[in-house]
C-alpha atoms as a PDB file:
ATOM      1  CA  MET A   1      87.726  81.860 116.461  1.00  0.00           C
ATOM      2  CA  ARG A   2      90.457  84.879 116.204  1.00  0.00           C
ATOM      3  CA  TYR A   3      92.868  84.891 113.163  1.00  0.00           C
ATOM      4  CA  LEU A   4      95.975  86.249 113.007  1.00  0.00           C
ATOM      5  CA  LEU A   5      96.225  87.498 108.999  1.00  0.00           C
ATOM      6  CA  LEU A   6     100.316  87.988 108.801  1.00  0.00           C
ATOM      7  CA  ILE A   7     100.859  89.333 104.870  1.00  0.00           C
ATOM      8  CA  TYR A   8     104.530  88.586 103.740  1.00  0.00           C
ATOM      9  CA  THR A   9     105.408  90.498 100.418  1.00  0.00           C
ATOM     10  CA  PRO A  10     109.009  91.184  99.275  1.00  0.00           C
ATOM     11  CA  GLU A  11     110.277  94.762 100.399  1.00  0.00           C
ATOM     12  CA  PRO A  12     109.068  97.175  97.813  1.00  0.00           C
ATOM     13  CA  ALA A  13     112.196  98.330  96.113  1.00  0.00           C
ATOM     14  CA  GLU A  14     113.147 101.959  96.019  1.00  0.00           C
ATOM     15  CA  GLY A  15     112.031 102.512  92.665  1.00  0.00           C
ATOM     16  CA  THR A  16     108.013 102.029  92.782  1.00  0.00           C
ATOM     17  CA  SER A  17     105.937 104.577  91.844  1.00  0.00           C
ATOM     18  CA  PRO A  18     103.431 106.943  94.254  1.00  0.00           C
ATOM     19  CA  ASP A  19     100.663 105.769  91.809  1.00  0.00           C
ATOM     20  CA  GLU A  20     101.638 101.563  92.425  1.00  0.00           C
ATOM     21  CA  MET A  21     101.687 102.466  96.398  1.00  0.00           C
ATOM     22  CA  PHE A  22      98.321 104.669  96.065  1.00  0.00           C
ATOM     23  CA  SER A  23      96.525 101.959  94.408  1.00  0.00           C
ATOM     24  CA  GLU A  24      97.196  99.061  96.931  1.00  0.00           C
ATOM     25  CA  THR A  25      97.216 100.784  99.546  1.00  0.00           C
ATOM     26  CA  ASP A  26      93.401 101.599  98.151  1.00  0.00           C
ATOM     27  CA  GLU A  27      92.968  98.241  97.593  1.00  0.00           C
ATOM     28  CA  TYR A  28      94.014  97.057 101.653  1.00  0.00           C
ATOM     29  CA  ASN A  29      92.184  99.846 102.339  1.00  0.00           C
ATOM     30  CA  ALA A  30      88.798  98.296 100.617  1.00  0.00           C
ATOM     31  CA  PHE A  31      89.783  94.972 101.959  1.00  0.00           C
ATOM     32  CA  THR A  32      89.792  96.702 105.697  1.00  0.00           C
ATOM     33  CA  GLN A  33      86.239  97.554 104.751  1.00  0.00           C
ATOM     34  CA  TRP A  34      85.249  94.034 103.953  1.00  0.00           C
ATOM     35  CA  THR A  35      86.651  92.397 107.090  1.00  0.00           C
ATOM     36  CA  ILE A  36      84.264  95.396 109.292  1.00  0.00           C
ATOM     37  CA  GLN A  37      81.420  95.254 107.059  1.00  0.00           C
ATOM     38  CA  GLN A  38      81.807  91.019 107.487  1.00  0.00           C
ATOM     39  CA  GLY A  39      81.722  91.773 111.633  1.00  0.00           C
ATOM     40  CA  MET A  40      85.245  90.120 111.148  1.00  0.00           C
ATOM     41  CA  PHE A  41      87.734  93.310 111.849  1.00  0.00           C
ATOM     42  CA  LYS A  42      89.314  93.063 115.179  1.00  0.00           C
ATOM     43  CA  ALA A  43      92.365  95.258 113.829  1.00  0.00           C
ATOM     44  CA  GLY A  44      95.376  95.556 111.418  1.00  0.00           C
ATOM     45  CA  GLU A  45      97.936  97.714 110.985  1.00  0.00           C
ATOM     46  CA  ALA A  46     101.232  97.779 108.521  1.00  0.00           C
ATOM     47  CA  LEU A  47     104.301  97.726 109.844  1.00  0.00           C
ATOM     48  CA  HIS A  48     107.951  99.834 108.677  1.00  0.00           C
ATOM     49  CA  PRO A  49     110.139  97.858 106.262  1.00  0.00           C
ATOM     50  CA  THR A  50     113.122  95.129 107.724  1.00  0.00           C
ATOM     51  CA  SER A  51     115.553  98.061 107.780  1.00  0.00           C
ATOM     52  CA  ALA A  52     113.416  99.247 110.919  1.00  0.00           C
ATOM     53  CA  ALA A  53     113.579  96.316 113.180  1.00  0.00           C
ATOM     54  CA  THR A  54     115.162  95.782 115.951  1.00  0.00           C
ATOM     55  CA  THR A  55     115.714  91.803 116.867  1.00  0.00           C
ATOM     56  CA  VAL A  56     116.009  91.100 120.474  1.00  0.00           C
ATOM     57  CA  GLN A  57     117.878  87.238 122.424  1.00  0.00           C
ATOM     58  CA  VAL A  58     118.143  87.443 125.994  1.00  0.00           C
ATOM     59  CA  ARG A  59     121.227  85.040 126.179  1.00  0.00           C
ATOM     60  CA  ASN A  60     123.227  83.983 129.310  1.00  0.00           C
ATOM     61  CA  GLY A  61     120.887  86.955 131.197  1.00  0.00           C
ATOM     62  CA  ARG A  62     122.262  89.429 128.408  1.00  0.00           C
ATOM     63  CA  THR A  63     120.181  91.653 125.995  1.00  0.00           C
ATOM     64  CA  ILE A  64     121.419  91.208 122.574  1.00  0.00           C
ATOM     65  CA  THR A  65     120.407  93.459 119.759  1.00  0.00           C
ATOM     66  CA  THR A  66     121.105  93.290 116.511  1.00  0.00           C
ATOM     67  CA  ASP A  67     119.831  95.669 113.820  1.00  0.00           C
ATOM     68  CA  GLY A  68     117.461  93.961 111.549  1.00  0.00           C
ATOM     69  CA  PRO A  69     115.192  91.005 111.269  1.00  0.00           C
ATOM     70  CA  PHE A  70     115.881  87.772 112.613  1.00  0.00           C
ATOM     71  CA  ALA A  71     116.018  86.011 109.529  1.00  0.00           C
ATOM     72  CA  GLU A  72     116.546  87.076 106.139  1.00  0.00           C
ATOM     73  CA  THR A  73     113.966  86.258 103.808  1.00  0.00           C
ATOM     74  CA  LYS A  74     113.036  86.858 100.190  1.00  0.00           C
ATOM     75  CA  GLU A  75     109.994  88.271 101.744  1.00  0.00           C
ATOM     76  CA  ALA A  76     109.100  89.950 104.291  1.00  0.00           C
ATOM     77  CA  LEU A  77     105.945  90.343 107.531  1.00  0.00           C
ATOM     78  CA  GLY A  78     104.929  93.666 106.255  1.00  0.00           C
ATOM     79  CA  GLY A  79     102.160  93.885 108.490  1.00  0.00           C
ATOM     80  CA  PHE A  80      98.862  92.033 109.931  1.00  0.00           C
ATOM     81  CA  TYR A  81      95.374  91.274 110.505  1.00  0.00           C
ATOM     82  CA  LEU A  82      93.417  90.704 113.391  1.00  0.00           C
ATOM     83  CA  ILE A  83      90.254  88.364 113.037  1.00  0.00           C
ATOM     84  CA  GLU A  84      87.140  86.852 114.494  1.00  0.00           C
ATOM     85  CA  ALA A  85      86.105  84.183 111.513  1.00  0.00           C
ATOM     86  CA  LYS A  86      83.535  81.268 112.657  1.00  0.00           C
ATOM     87  CA  ASP A  87      86.476  79.004 111.087  1.00  0.00           C
ATOM     88  CA  LEU A  88      89.663  78.265 109.482  1.00  0.00           C
ATOM     89  CA  ASP A  89      87.733  77.848 106.154  1.00  0.00           C
ATOM     90  CA  GLU A  90      86.272  81.679 106.548  1.00  0.00           C
ATOM     91  CA  ALA A  91      89.699  82.923 107.559  1.00  0.00           C
ATOM     92  CA  ILE A  92      91.251  81.197 104.727  1.00  0.00           C
ATOM     93  CA  ASP A  93      88.266  83.476 102.180  1.00  0.00           C
ATOM     94  CA  ALA A  94      89.427  86.594 103.809  1.00  0.00           C
ATOM     95  CA  ALA A  95      93.503  85.981 103.887  1.00  0.00           C
ATOM     96  CA  ALA A  96      92.580  85.368  99.852  1.00  0.00           C
ATOM     97  CA  ARG A  97      91.316  88.660  99.098  1.00  0.00           C
ATOM     98  CA  ILE A  98      94.140  90.910 100.986  1.00  0.00           C
ATOM     99  CA  PRO A  99      95.802  91.930  98.050  1.00  0.00           C
ATOM    100  CA  GLY A 100      99.175  90.969  99.047  1.00  0.00           C
ATOM    101  CA  ALA A 101      98.320  87.613  98.579  1.00  0.00           C
ATOM    102  CA  ARG A 102      98.522  87.958  94.900  1.00  0.00           C
ATOM    103  CA  HIS A 103     103.033  88.899  95.132  1.00  0.00           C
ATOM    104  CA  GLY A 104     103.684  87.244  98.155  1.00  0.00           C
ATOM    105  CA  SER A 105     102.218  84.976 100.518  1.00  0.00           C
ATOM    106  CA  ILE A 106      99.684  85.497 103.733  1.00  0.00           C
ATOM    107  CA  GLU A 107      99.860  83.376 106.714  1.00  0.00           C
ATOM    108  CA  VAL A 108      97.222  82.456 108.421  1.00  0.00           C
ATOM    109  CA  ARG A 109      97.250  81.078 112.143  1.00  0.00           C
ATOM    110  CA  PRO A 110      94.838  80.441 114.538  1.00  0.00           C
ATOM    111  CA  ILE A 111      94.544  82.452 118.051  1.00  0.00           C
ATOM    112  CA  PHE A 112      95.662  80.855 121.014  1.00  0.00           C
ATOM    113  CA  GLU A 113      93.147  81.113 123.296  1.00  0.00           C
ATOM    114  CA  ILE A 114      94.416  81.105 127.363  1.00  0.00           C
ATOM    115  CA  PRO A 115      90.843  81.007 129.512  1.00  0.00           C
ATOM    116  CA  MET A 116      90.433  83.994 131.512  1.00  0.00           C
ATOM    117  CA  GLY A 117      88.972  83.257 135.649  1.00  0.00           C
ATOM    118  CA  ASP A 118      86.718  85.716 136.419  1.00  0.00           C
ATOM    119  CA  SER A 119      88.333  88.609 137.161  1.00  0.00           C
ATOM    120  CA  GLY A 120      90.446  88.710 134.169  1.00  0.00           C
ATOM    121  CA  ASP A 121      93.104  87.155 135.426  1.00  0.00           C
ATOM    122  CA  PRO A 122      94.548  83.701 133.724  1.00  0.00           C
ATOM    123  CA  ALA A 123      96.280  82.892 136.699  1.00  0.00           C
ATOM    124  CA  GLU A 124      93.444  82.303 138.557  1.00  0.00           C
ATOM    125  CA  ALA A 125      91.987  80.286 136.130  1.00  0.00           C
ATOM    126  CA  VAL A 126      94.708  77.736 135.816  1.00  0.00           C
ATOM    127  CA  ALA A 127      94.718  78.008 139.209  1.00  0.00           C
ATOM    128  CA  ALA A 128      90.631  76.687 139.253  1.00  0.00           C
ATOM    129  CA  ALA A 129      91.402  74.066 136.617  1.00  0.00           C
ATOM    130  CA  GLY A 130      94.461  72.532 138.519  1.00  0.00           C
END
């Protein structure tokens, strides 16, 4: 089963030293290599800070954009890993190895698998089941 590991941590303060940043980057690189060696890795990316975010809403047919994240929180979504794990316990074990878990939190979310038809079209699978 696929799981999305969402990494929520406080955004780096302006005074974060380059040594601290490089050290954590090395830890993330090691974690990424571990997931690859375990055959779990599907994807993973770091995100720009919330100051670079744009929130989009559609109200009464009108698109509204707002600079910044949707919700103001102490911790922000800083990145993610998409992994393949045999079960939730294995996904939790992987999440606990993410460096950000020591000073933030990791949300483990199972991916809702949409059935596909023979052609790869989900509508075909729905029609066949219906």
